[in-house]
Protein backbone atom coordinates (compact mmCIF):
# COMPACT_ATOMS: atom_id res chain seq x y z
CA MET A 1 -12.18 -27.79 -5.77
CA PRO A 2 -10.39 -25.82 -3.15
CA LEU A 3 -10.47 -27.01 0.56
CA GLY A 4 -11.07 -24.48 3.32
CA PRO A 5 -8.02 -24.00 6.20
CA SER A 6 -6.78 -27.14 7.53
CA PRO A 7 -8.33 -27.82 11.32
CA LYS A 8 -5.52 -27.48 14.10
CA VAL A 9 -4.33 -30.87 14.97
CA THR A 10 -3.28 -31.92 18.27
CA ALA A 11 -1.72 -35.04 18.93
CA MET A 12 -0.76 -37.38 21.98
CA SER A 13 0.99 -40.61 21.96
CA SER A 14 2.31 -43.08 24.74
CA LEU A 15 5.82 -41.98 24.16
CA VAL A 16 4.88 -38.44 25.14
CA PRO A 17 1.74 -38.22 26.95
CA HIS A 18 1.02 -34.42 26.55
CA LYS A 19 -0.96 -32.54 23.87
CA TYR A 20 1.13 -31.24 21.05
CA ASP A 21 0.45 -29.52 17.63
CA TYR A 22 4.00 -28.75 16.70
CA ILE A 23 7.34 -31.10 16.37
CA ALA A 24 11.13 -29.51 16.01
CA LEU A 25 13.79 -32.25 15.09
CA THR A 26 17.39 -31.65 15.21
CA TYR A 27 19.83 -34.03 13.31
CA ASP A 28 23.49 -34.57 13.75
CA GLY A 29 24.62 -35.53 10.55
CA PRO A 30 22.12 -38.65 9.75
CA ASP A 31 21.17 -39.24 13.17
CA LEU A 32 18.05 -37.74 14.56
CA THR A 33 19.13 -36.67 18.17
CA LYS A 34 16.56 -34.57 19.61
CA VAL A 35 12.55 -34.29 19.16
CA GLU A 36 10.90 -31.35 20.73
CA TYR A 37 6.75 -31.37 21.26
CA TYR A 38 5.06 -27.70 21.56
CA GLN A 39 1.65 -26.94 22.36
CA ASN A 40 0.47 -23.87 20.33
CA GLY A 41 2.85 -23.89 17.60
CA ALA A 42 6.59 -23.27 17.50
CA SER A 43 6.72 -20.49 19.75
CA GLY A 44 4.18 -22.08 22.25
CA ASP A 45 5.19 -23.79 25.16
CA LYS A 46 7.56 -26.80 24.90
CA VAL A 47 5.84 -29.57 26.70
CA ALA A 48 8.42 -32.61 26.13
CA THR A 49 11.95 -33.21 24.77
CA LEU A 50 13.11 -36.71 23.46
CA ASP A 51 16.99 -36.79 23.38
CA LEU A 52 18.34 -39.89 21.11
CA VAL A 53 21.84 -41.25 21.76
CA TYR A 54 23.73 -43.33 19.42
CA SER A 55 26.90 -45.57 19.34
CA SER A 56 28.20 -46.10 15.77
CA ASN A 57 25.05 -44.95 14.24
CA VAL A 58 22.95 -47.40 16.20
CA LEU A 59 20.10 -46.02 18.40
CA GLN A 60 21.19 -46.82 22.20
CA THR A 61 18.65 -44.89 24.34
CA VAL A 62 15.86 -42.21 24.12
CA THR A 63 15.09 -40.17 27.38
CA ARG A 64 12.29 -38.31 27.67
CA THR A 65 12.21 -34.89 29.73
CA ASP A 66 8.80 -33.17 30.58
CA HIS A 67 8.49 -29.67 30.71
């Protein structure tokens, strides 16, 4: 049985306390180095960025920037 279109999902978390509906991930090799959160899809408004810093492949810090 076919289902109708998916409803738009808007999420919020305690790490990123903004509404968002799209997440872009950036990797350097196996390490996730950046997470960008957008409202209104990939070409919408960036609401927050998480920058992840590693040392010897061990996560050291996570820094949030609000936009």
